[in-house]
Amino acid sequence: MTRWIELDGAVNVRDMGGLVTSDGGTLRPGRLLRSDNLQGLTPADVDRLVTDIGVRHVIDLRSDTEVTIEGPGPLTRDPRVTIHHLSLFAEGGGLTDVDADTPPAGGGVDTDKILPWQNRPEEDGQESERSVGHYLAYLADRPGSVVDALRVIAQGPSIVHCAAGKDRTGVVTAFALDILGVPRDRIVADYAATGDRLEAILARLRSSPTYAQDLDSRPADTHMPHASTMEKFLAVLDERHGGPVGWLRHHGWTDADTAALRTALRT
């Protein structure tokens, strides 16, 4: 893995540039980055992302409650950057996003929704992939956010993030890479690469009261991103919608959108 971007205030940042497409093209560096939460960025980190790499758009997939409690982050204070808050949780009631976003008893957020368990023992002792269900819920609850995020990526150099940079970010990034023609095995490998930084990601989340209480009650390895999870998610999209692009077309995505994204990110 050579696409990691080392920062002091975020630990799961990598550039999609350099990935090769099925037809032999290559994704341009600095056009699409993915990350965990960004509110801990130092001034040097901001300079690296905005001045050196040229990031101009931040796609923040966190819920309104997360942004309210955790803060929007220092990139919001840089006039060169546009923030796009595109929650993947259902809107309504309470602070903003209910159900997935309503703080549980004792405060914080429901981390089972924010960072779903990859494998959780059911009552019959069988392991089930719960994340696939969560990923499909993102699409059902906020299809407009997914479409809008992809359209933003076509506008200029972008960084997509949530809390861990694994689940919500993984879904949006997988859609982008599929549209760009990156082979499935490389999409899956990029998703699983977050596992290389899982210990550091969880340490960051546990340092925040927003996430700590729920995380402390769960074994760390239950959050490991497995290749099989993304494989199953994409297989469901293939079966039900003809793939990610088929799903997008049902929600207003056009051939012009595909062309714009490919022009912006592919060599």
C-alpha atoms as a PDB file:
ATOM      1  CA  MET A   1       0.000   0.000   0.000  1.00  0.00           C
ATOM      2  CA  THR A   2       1.800   3.121  -1.231  1.00  0.00           C
ATOM      3  CA  ARG A   3      -1.087   5.561  -1.363  1.00  0.00           C
ATOM      4  CA  TRP A   4      -1.245   6.385   2.357  1.00  0.00           C
ATOM      5  CA  ILE A   5      -1.004  10.069   3.281  1.00  0.00           C
ATOM      6  CA  GLU A   6       0.582  10.454   6.702  1.00  0.00           C
ATOM      7  CA  LEU A   7      -0.961  13.219   8.821  1.00  0.00           C
ATOM      8  CA  ASP A   8      -0.790  14.073  12.512  1.00  0.00           C
ATOM      9  CA  GLY A   9      -4.538  14.601  12.931  1.00  0.00           C
ATOM     10  CA  ALA A  10      -5.983  11.718  10.903  1.00  0.00           C
ATOM     11  CA  VAL A  11      -4.811   8.126  10.554  1.00  0.00           C
ATOM     12  CA  ASN A  12      -6.804   6.575   7.707  1.00  0.00           C
ATOM     13  CA  VAL A  13      -6.065   8.881   4.782  1.00  0.00           C
ATOM     14  CA  ARG A  14      -5.204   7.557   1.356  1.00  0.00           C
ATOM     15  CA  ASP A  15      -5.250   8.706  -2.242  1.00  0.00           C
ATOM     16  CA  MET A  16      -7.150   6.774  -4.906  1.00  0.00           C
ATOM     17  CA  GLY A  17      -4.663   8.084  -7.455  1.00  0.00           C
ATOM     18  CA  GLY A  18      -2.612   5.366  -9.090  1.00  0.00           C
ATOM     19  CA  LEU A  19      -5.355   2.746  -9.177  1.00  0.00           C
ATOM     20  CA  VAL A  20      -5.540   1.169 -12.639  1.00  0.00           C
ATOM     21  CA  THR A  21      -8.819   0.771 -14.519  1.00  0.00           C
ATOM     22  CA  SER A  22      -9.962  -2.283 -16.453  1.00  0.00           C
ATOM     23  CA  ASP A  23      -9.154  -0.633 -19.781  1.00  0.00           C
ATOM     24  CA  GLY A  24      -5.616   0.300 -18.763  1.00  0.00           C
ATOM     25  CA  GLY A  25      -6.239   3.851 -17.579  1.00  0.00           C
ATOM     26  CA  THR A  26      -4.973   5.258 -14.286  1.00  0.00           C
ATOM     27  CA  LEU A  27      -6.673   7.442 -11.694  1.00  0.00           C
ATOM     28  CA  ARG A  28      -5.068  10.850 -11.283  1.00  0.00           C
ATOM     29  CA  PRO A  29      -3.340  11.494  -7.948  1.00  0.00           C
ATOM     30  CA  GLY A  30      -4.794  14.119  -5.645  1.00  0.00           C
ATOM     31  CA  ARG A  31      -8.289  14.014  -7.143  1.00  0.00           C
ATOM     32  CA  LEU A  32     -10.024  11.645  -4.701  1.00  0.00           C
ATOM     33  CA  LEU A  33      -8.893  11.021  -1.137  1.00  0.00           C
ATOM     34  CA  ARG A  34     -10.677   9.051   1.583  1.00  0.00           C
ATOM     35  CA  SER A  35     -10.244   9.580   5.316  1.00  0.00           C
ATOM     36  CA  ASP A  36     -11.413   9.133   8.869  1.00  0.00           C
ATOM     37  CA  ASN A  37     -12.698  12.205  10.746  1.00  0.00           C
ATOM     38  CA  LEU A  38     -10.881  15.466  10.083  1.00  0.00           C
ATOM     39  CA  GLN A  39     -11.582  17.661  13.103  1.00  0.00           C
ATOM     40  CA  GLY A  40      -8.156  16.856  14.600  1.00  0.00           C
ATOM     41  CA  LEU A  41      -6.125  18.157  11.664  1.00  0.00           C
ATOM     42  CA  THR A  42      -3.150  20.328  12.570  1.00  0.00           C
ATOM     43  CA  PRO A  43      -2.196  23.474  10.630  1.00  0.00           C
ATOM     44  CA  ALA A  44       0.526  21.439   8.934  1.00  0.00           C
ATOM     45  CA  ASP A  45      -2.051  18.796   7.950  1.00  0.00           C
ATOM     46  CA  VAL A  46      -4.316  21.452   6.444  1.00  0.00           C
ATOM     47  CA  ASP A  47      -1.389  22.877   4.507  1.00  0.00           C
ATOM     48  CA  ARG A  48      -0.492  19.413   3.217  1.00  0.00           C
ATOM     49  CA  LEU A  49      -4.031  18.679   2.041  1.00  0.00           C
ATOM     50  CA  VAL A  50      -5.020  22.066   0.685  1.00  0.00           C
ATOM     51  CA  THR A  51      -1.774  23.679  -0.484  1.00  0.00           C
ATOM     52  CA  ASP A  52       0.340  20.684  -1.477  1.00  0.00           C
ATOM     53  CA  ILE A  53      -2.292  18.218  -2.690  1.00  0.00           C
ATOM     54  CA  GLY A  54      -4.866  20.798  -3.730  1.00  0.00           C
ATOM     55  CA  VAL A  55      -8.022  19.534  -1.989  1.00  0.00           C
ATOM     56  CA  ARG A  56     -10.936  21.875  -2.703  1.00  0.00           C
ATOM     57  CA  HIS A  57     -13.974  19.865  -1.606  1.00  0.00           C
ATOM     58  CA  VAL A  58     -14.703  18.059   1.662  1.00  0.00           C
ATOM     59  CA  ILE A  59     -17.528  15.506   1.545  1.00  0.00           C
ATOM     60  CA  ASP A  60     -18.531  14.983   5.169  1.00  0.00           C
ATOM     61  CA  LEU A  61     -20.742  11.887   5.484  1.00  0.00           C
ATOM     62  CA  ARG A  62     -21.195  12.171   9.248  1.00  0.00           C
ATOM     63  CA  SER A  63     -24.619  12.672  10.757  1.00  0.00           C
ATOM     64  CA  ASP A  64     -25.726  16.097  11.917  1.00  0.00           C
ATOM     65  CA  THR A  65     -25.376  14.953  15.517  1.00  0.00           C
ATOM     66  CA  GLU A  66     -21.773  13.898  14.990  1.00  0.00           C
ATOM     67  CA  VAL A  67     -20.934  17.243  13.425  1.00  0.00           C
ATOM     68  CA  THR A  68     -22.717  19.119  16.223  1.00  0.00           C
ATOM     69  CA  ILE A  69     -20.954  17.217  18.998  1.00  0.00           C
ATOM     70  CA  GLU A  70     -17.534  16.702  17.411  1.00  0.00           C
ATOM     71  CA  GLY A  71     -17.271  19.912  15.440  1.00  0.00           C
ATOM     72  CA  PRO A  72     -16.896  20.504  11.708  1.00  0.00           C
ATOM     73  CA  GLY A  73     -13.080  20.615  11.675  1.00  0.00           C
ATOM     74  CA  PRO A  74     -10.421  23.146  10.705  1.00  0.00           C
ATOM     75  CA  LEU A  75     -10.910  22.745   6.955  1.00  0.00           C
ATOM     76  CA  THR A  76     -14.151  24.687   7.326  1.00  0.00           C
ATOM     77  CA  ARG A  77     -12.047  27.769   8.134  1.00  0.00           C
ATOM     78  CA  ASP A  78     -10.019  27.606   4.922  1.00  0.00           C
ATOM     79  CA  PRO A  79     -11.625  29.796   2.236  1.00  0.00           C
ATOM     80  CA  ARG A  80     -10.159  27.627  -0.529  1.00  0.00           C
ATOM     81  CA  VAL A  81     -12.273  24.651   0.573  1.00  0.00           C
ATOM     82  CA  THR A  82     -16.004  23.993   0.171  1.00  0.00           C
ATOM     83  CA  ILE A  83     -17.673  21.719   2.749  1.00  0.00           C
ATOM     84  CA  HIS A  84     -20.464  19.415   1.580  1.00  0.00           C
ATOM     85  CA  HIS A  85     -22.313  17.838   4.510  1.00  0.00           C
ATOM     86  CA  LEU A  86     -24.090  14.787   3.100  1.00  0.00           C
ATOM     87  CA  SER A  87     -25.258  12.535   5.905  1.00  0.00           C
ATOM     88  CA  LEU A  88     -26.063   8.936   5.015  1.00  0.00           C
ATOM     89  CA  PHE A  89     -28.570   8.567   7.845  1.00  0.00           C
ATOM     90  CA  ALA A  90     -32.326   9.162   7.666  1.00  0.00           C
ATOM     91  CA  GLU A  91     -33.541  12.661   8.513  1.00  0.00           C
ATOM     92  CA  GLY A  92     -36.207  13.634  10.994  1.00  0.00           C
ATOM     93  CA  GLY A  93     -36.936  14.557  14.574  1.00  0.00           C
ATOM     94  CA  GLY A  94     -34.679  14.839  17.617  1.00  0.00           C
ATOM     95  CA  LEU A  95     -31.417  16.615  17.070  1.00  0.00           C
ATOM     96  CA  THR A  96     -31.602  15.853  13.331  1.00  0.00           C
ATOM     97  CA  ASP A  97     -31.174  12.272  12.184  1.00  0.00           C
ATOM     98  CA  VAL A  98     -33.337   9.914  14.187  1.00  0.00           C
ATOM     99  CA  ASP A  99     -33.062   6.225  14.692  1.00  0.00           C
ATOM    100  CA  ALA A 100     -29.481   5.911  13.504  1.00  0.00           C
ATOM    101  CA  ASP A 101     -28.551   9.313  14.873  1.00  0.00           C
ATOM    102  CA  THR A 102     -30.428   9.596  18.171  1.00  0.00           C
ATOM    103  CA  PRO A 103     -27.955   9.582  21.099  1.00  0.00           C
ATOM    104  CA  PRO A 104     -28.373   6.410  23.184  1.00  0.00           C
ATOM    105  CA  ALA A 105     -28.893   6.497  26.921  1.00  0.00           C
ATOM    106  CA  GLY A 106     -25.819   7.990  28.512  1.00  0.00           C
ATOM    107  CA  GLY A 107     -25.052  10.314  25.613  1.00  0.00           C
ATOM    108  CA  GLY A 108     -22.890  10.036  22.520  1.00  0.00           C
ATOM    109  CA  VAL A 109     -24.059   8.339  19.356  1.00  0.00           C
ATOM    110  CA  ASP A 110     -25.073   4.787  18.535  1.00  0.00           C
ATOM    111  CA  THR A 111     -21.765   3.423  17.332  1.00  0.00           C
ATOM    112  CA  ASP A 112     -23.489   0.280  16.071  1.00  0.00           C
ATOM    113  CA  LYS A 113     -24.821   2.535  13.305  1.00  0.00           C
ATOM    114  CA  ILE A 114     -21.677   4.650  12.947  1.00  0.00           C
ATOM    115  CA  LEU A 115     -19.221   1.736  12.904  1.00  0.00           C
ATOM    116  CA  PRO A 116     -21.272  -1.434  12.410  1.00  0.00           C
ATOM    117  CA  TRP A 117     -19.870  -4.750  13.505  1.00  0.00           C
ATOM    118  CA  GLN A 118     -18.498  -6.755  10.615  1.00  0.00           C
ATOM    119  CA  ASN A 119     -19.307 -10.053  12.298  1.00  0.00           C
ATOM    120  CA  ARG A 120     -21.635 -10.380  15.239  1.00  0.00           C
ATOM    121  CA  PRO A 121     -22.703 -13.693  16.822  1.00  0.00           C
ATOM    122  CA  GLU A 122     -26.436 -14.228  16.557  1.00  0.00           C
ATOM    123  CA  GLU A 123     -28.517 -16.163  19.071  1.00  0.00           C
ATOM    124  CA  ASP A 124     -27.993 -19.411  17.170  1.00  0.00           C
ATOM    125  CA  GLY A 125     -24.239 -18.945  17.302  1.00  0.00           C
ATOM    126  CA  GLN A 126     -23.902 -18.180  13.605  1.00  0.00           C
ATOM    127  CA  GLU A 127     -21.886 -15.215  12.396  1.00  0.00           C
ATOM    128  CA  SER A 128     -23.729 -12.705  10.229  1.00  0.00           C
ATOM    129  CA  GLU A 129     -22.435  -9.862   8.093  1.00  0.00           C
ATOM    130  CA  ARG A 130     -24.405  -6.959   9.511  1.00  0.00           C
ATOM    131  CA  SER A 131     -22.488  -4.293   7.639  1.00  0.00           C
ATOM    132  CA  VAL A 132     -24.022  -5.238   4.299  1.00  0.00           C
ATOM    133  CA  GLY A 133     -27.443  -4.432   5.738  1.00  0.00           C
ATOM    134  CA  HIS A 134     -26.192  -1.108   7.036  1.00  0.00           C
ATOM    135  CA  TYR A 135     -24.655  -0.254   3.679  1.00  0.00           C
ATOM    136  CA  LEU A 136     -27.911  -0.985   1.898  1.00  0.00           C
ATOM    137  CA  ALA A 137     -29.692   1.192   4.465  1.00  0.00           C
ATOM    138  CA  TYR A 138     -27.439   4.118   3.546  1.00  0.00           C
ATOM    139  CA  LEU A 139     -28.649   3.766  -0.025  1.00  0.00           C
ATOM    140  CA  ALA A 140     -32.296   3.423   0.969  1.00  0.00           C
ATOM    141  CA  ASP A 141     -32.278   6.277   3.483  1.00  0.00           C
ATOM    142  CA  ARG A 142     -30.173   8.849   1.642  1.00  0.00           C
ATOM    143  CA  PRO A 143     -29.845   8.109  -2.072  1.00  0.00           C
ATOM    144  CA  GLY A 144     -29.544  11.816  -2.803  1.00  0.00           C
ATOM    145  CA  SER A 145     -26.463  12.089  -0.596  1.00  0.00           C
ATOM    146  CA  VAL A 146     -24.714   9.323  -2.528  1.00  0.00           C
ATOM    147  CA  VAL A 147     -25.508  10.900  -5.903  1.00  0.00           C
ATOM    148  CA  ASP A 148     -24.545  14.385  -4.691  1.00  0.00           C
ATOM    149  CA  ALA A 149     -21.246  13.122  -3.240  1.00  0.00           C
ATOM    150  CA  LEU A 150     -20.258  11.593  -6.568  1.00  0.00           C
ATOM    151  CA  ARG A 151     -21.177  14.773  -8.428  1.00  0.00           C
ATOM    152  CA  VAL A 152     -19.031  16.811  -6.038  1.00  0.00           C
ATOM    153  CA  ILE A 153     -16.062  14.516  -6.685  1.00  0.00           C
ATOM    154  CA  ALA A 154     -16.353  15.378 -10.385  1.00  0.00           C
ATOM    155  CA  GLN A 155     -16.103  19.100  -9.574  1.00  0.00           C
ATOM    156  CA  GLY A 156     -12.527  19.030  -8.308  1.00  0.00           C
ATOM    157  CA  PRO A 157     -10.023  17.476  -5.885  1.00  0.00           C
ATOM    158  CA  SER A 158     -12.051  16.013  -3.016  1.00  0.00           C
ATOM    159  CA  ILE A 159     -11.652  14.221   0.279  1.00  0.00           C
ATOM    160  CA  VAL A 160     -14.480  11.958   1.484  1.00  0.00           C
ATOM    161  CA  HIS A 161     -14.723  11.123   5.171  1.00  0.00           C
ATOM    162  CA  CYS A 162     -16.942   9.929   7.992  1.00  0.00           C
ATOM    163  CA  ALA A 163     -15.844   8.909  11.514  1.00  0.00           C
ATOM    164  CA  ALA A 164     -13.624   5.891  10.845  1.00  0.00           C
ATOM    165  CA  GLY A 165     -13.320   6.263   7.086  1.00  0.00           C
ATOM    166  CA  LYS A 166     -14.435   2.653   6.719  1.00  0.00           C
ATOM    167  CA  ASP A 167     -18.167   2.115   6.233  1.00  0.00           C
ATOM    168  CA  ARG A 168     -19.913   5.232   4.930  1.00  0.00           C
ATOM    169  CA  THR A 169     -16.736   6.385   3.218  1.00  0.00           C
ATOM    170  CA  GLY A 170     -16.199   2.858   1.917  1.00  0.00           C
ATOM    171  CA  VAL A 171     -19.609   2.804   0.236  1.00  0.00           C
ATOM    172  CA  VAL A 172     -19.221   6.170  -1.526  1.00  0.00           C
ATOM    173  CA  THR A 173     -15.654   5.375  -2.576  1.00  0.00           C
ATOM    174  CA  ALA A 174     -16.674   1.972  -3.929  1.00  0.00           C
ATOM    175  CA  PHE A 175     -19.353   3.627  -6.068  1.00  0.00           C
ATOM    176  CA  ALA A 176     -16.847   6.154  -7.409  1.00  0.00           C
ATOM    177  CA  LEU A 177     -14.246   3.510  -8.228  1.00  0.00           C
ATOM    178  CA  ASP A 178     -16.811   1.317  -9.955  1.00  0.00           C
ATOM    179  CA  ILE A 179     -17.958   4.193 -12.173  1.00  0.00           C
ATOM    180  CA  LEU A 180     -14.332   4.952 -12.995  1.00  0.00           C
ATOM    181  CA  GLY A 181     -13.787   1.399 -14.195  1.00  0.00           C
ATOM    182  CA  VAL A 182     -11.554   0.108 -11.399  1.00  0.00           C
ATOM    183  CA  PRO A 183     -11.778  -3.713 -11.277  1.00  0.00           C
ATOM    184  CA  ARG A 184     -13.786  -5.198  -8.459  1.00  0.00           C
ATOM    185  CA  ASP A 185     -10.835  -6.930  -6.831  1.00  0.00           C
ATOM    186  CA  ARG A 186      -9.057  -3.590  -6.468  1.00  0.00           C
ATOM    187  CA  ILE A 187     -12.184  -1.908  -5.092  1.00  0.00           C
ATOM    188  CA  VAL A 188     -12.443  -4.673  -2.502  1.00  0.00           C
ATOM    189  CA  ALA A 189      -8.732  -4.465  -1.690  1.00  0.00           C
ATOM    190  CA  ASP A 190      -8.969  -0.724  -1.114  1.00  0.00           C
ATOM    191  CA  TYR A 191     -11.934  -1.228   1.229  1.00  0.00           C
ATOM    192  CA  ALA A 192     -10.056  -3.878   3.217  1.00  0.00           C
ATOM    193  CA  ALA A 193      -6.904  -1.725   3.432  1.00  0.00           C
ATOM    194  CA  THR A 194      -8.510   0.267   6.247  1.00  0.00           C
ATOM    195  CA  GLY A 195      -7.840  -2.781   8.409  1.00  0.00           C
ATOM    196  CA  ASP A 196      -4.143  -1.875   8.325  1.00  0.00           C
ATOM    197  CA  ARG A 197      -4.969   1.208  10.387  1.00  0.00           C
ATOM    198  CA  LEU A 198      -7.831  -0.166  12.483  1.00  0.00           C
ATOM    199  CA  GLU A 199      -5.993  -0.024  15.819  1.00  0.00           C
ATOM    200  CA  ALA A 200      -5.093   3.640  15.307  1.00  0.00           C
ATOM    201  CA  ILE A 201      -8.612   4.454  14.069  1.00  0.00           C
ATOM    202  CA  LEU A 202     -10.257   2.937  17.138  1.00  0.00           C
ATOM    203  CA  ALA A 203      -7.768   4.706  19.432  1.00  0.00           C
ATOM    204  CA  ARG A 204      -8.808   8.022  17.909  1.00  0.00           C
ATOM    205  CA  LEU A 205     -12.516   7.248  18.275  1.00  0.00           C
ATOM    206  CA  ARG A 206     -12.089   6.062  21.863  1.00  0.00           C
ATOM    207  CA  SER A 207     -10.418   9.380  22.724  1.00  0.00           C
ATOM    208  CA  SER A 208     -13.739  11.102  22.009  1.00  0.00           C
ATOM    209  CA  PRO A 209     -16.707  10.809  24.410  1.00  0.00           C
ATOM    210  CA  THR A 210     -18.955  10.752  21.341  1.00  0.00           C
ATOM    211  CA  TYR A 211     -17.831   7.246  20.402  1.00  0.00           C
ATOM    212  CA  ALA A 212     -15.947   5.863  23.398  1.00  0.00           C
ATOM    213  CA  GLN A 213     -18.763   4.390  25.485  1.00  0.00           C
ATOM    214  CA  ASP A 214     -20.097   2.138  22.754  1.00  0.00           C
ATOM    215  CA  LEU A 215     -16.704   1.131  21.419  1.00  0.00           C
ATOM    216  CA  ASP A 216     -15.408   0.136  24.824  1.00  0.00           C
ATOM    217  CA  SER A 217     -18.078  -2.564  25.033  1.00  0.00           C
ATOM    218  CA  ARG A 218     -16.985  -4.340  21.847  1.00  0.00           C
ATOM    219  CA  PRO A 219     -13.938  -6.346  20.800  1.00  0.00           C
ATOM    220  CA  ALA A 220     -11.786  -4.378  18.383  1.00  0.00           C
ATOM    221  CA  ASP A 221     -11.543  -7.190  15.851  1.00  0.00           C
ATOM    222  CA  THR A 222     -15.311  -7.127  15.262  1.00  0.00           C
ATOM    223  CA  HIS A 223     -14.758  -3.853  13.378  1.00  0.00           C
ATOM    224  CA  MET A 224     -12.163  -5.273  10.994  1.00  0.00           C
ATOM    225  CA  PRO A 225     -13.216  -4.603   7.375  1.00  0.00           C
ATOM    226  CA  HIS A 226     -13.401  -7.941   5.585  1.00  0.00           C
ATOM    227  CA  ALA A 227     -13.120  -8.239   1.827  1.00  0.00           C
ATOM    228  CA  SER A 228     -16.169 -10.507   1.858  1.00  0.00           C
ATOM    229  CA  THR A 229     -18.338  -7.664   3.168  1.00  0.00           C
ATOM    230  CA  MET A 230     -17.666  -5.406   0.178  1.00  0.00           C
ATOM    231  CA  GLU A 231     -17.886  -8.387  -2.176  1.00  0.00           C
ATOM    232  CA  LYS A 232     -21.352  -9.237  -0.820  1.00  0.00           C
ATOM    233  CA  PHE A 233     -22.490  -5.617  -0.945  1.00  0.00           C
ATOM    234  CA  LEU A 234     -21.482  -5.248  -4.595  1.00  0.00           C
ATOM    235  CA  ALA A 235     -23.018  -8.636  -5.421  1.00  0.00           C
ATOM    236  CA  VAL A 236     -26.361  -7.477  -4.004  1.00  0.00           C
ATOM    237  CA  LEU A 237     -26.174  -4.330  -6.142  1.00  0.00           C
ATOM    238  CA  ASP A 238     -25.418  -6.475  -9.195  1.00  0.00           C
ATOM    239  CA  GLU A 239     -28.351  -8.786  -8.509  1.00  0.00           C
ATOM    240  CA  ARG A 240     -30.916  -6.117  -7.663  1.00  0.00           C
ATOM    241  CA  HIS A 241     -29.879  -3.156  -9.785  1.00  0.00           C
ATOM    242  CA  GLY A 242     -27.346  -4.259 -12.388  1.00  0.00           C
ATOM    243  CA  GLY A 243     -24.478  -2.844 -10.309  1.00  0.00           C
ATOM    244  CA  PRO A 244     -23.700   0.531  -8.731  1.00  0.00           C
ATOM    245  CA  VAL A 245     -24.297   2.450 -11.985  1.00  0.00           C
ATOM    246  CA  GLY A 246     -27.658   0.748 -12.406  1.00  0.00           C
ATOM    247  CA  TRP A 247     -28.653   1.823  -8.894  1.00  0.00           C
ATOM    248  CA  LEU A 248     -27.478   5.365  -9.577  1.00  0.00           C
ATOM    249  CA  ARG A 249     -29.513   5.624 -12.775  1.00  0.00           C
ATOM    250  CA  HIS A 250     -32.646   4.884 -10.750  1.00  0.00           C
ATOM    251  CA  HIS A 251     -31.773   7.972  -8.693  1.00  0.00           C
ATOM    252  CA  GLY A 252     -31.056  10.496 -11.403  1.00  0.00           C
ATOM    253  CA  TRP A 253     -27.487   9.690 -12.416  1.00  0.00           C
ATOM    254  CA  THR A 254     -26.859  10.265 -16.126  1.00  0.00           C
ATOM    255  CA  ASP A 255     -24.312   9.328 -18.758  1.00  0.00           C
ATOM    256  CA  ALA A 256     -23.136  12.948 -18.569  1.00  0.00           C
ATOM    257  CA  ASP A 257     -22.439  12.460 -14.852  1.00  0.00           C
ATOM    258  CA  THR A 258     -20.361   9.373 -15.618  1.00  0.00           C
ATOM    259  CA  ALA A 259     -18.439  11.212 -18.313  1.00  0.00           C
ATOM    260  CA  ALA A 260     -17.757  14.163 -15.998  1.00  0.00           C
ATOM    261  CA  LEU A 261     -16.418  11.920 -13.234  1.00  0.00           C
ATOM    262  CA  ARG A 262     -14.210   9.972 -15.626  1.00  0.00           C
ATOM    263  CA  THR A 263     -12.872  13.132 -17.260  1.00  0.00           C
ATOM    264  CA  ALA A 264     -11.993  14.616 -13.870  1.00  0.00           C
ATOM    265  CA  LEU A 265     -10.287  11.579 -12.372  1.00  0.00           C
ATOM    266  CA  ARG A 266      -8.886   9.376 -15.136  1.00  0.00           C
ATOM    267  CA  THR A 267      -5.782   9.894 -17.210  1.00  0.00           C
END
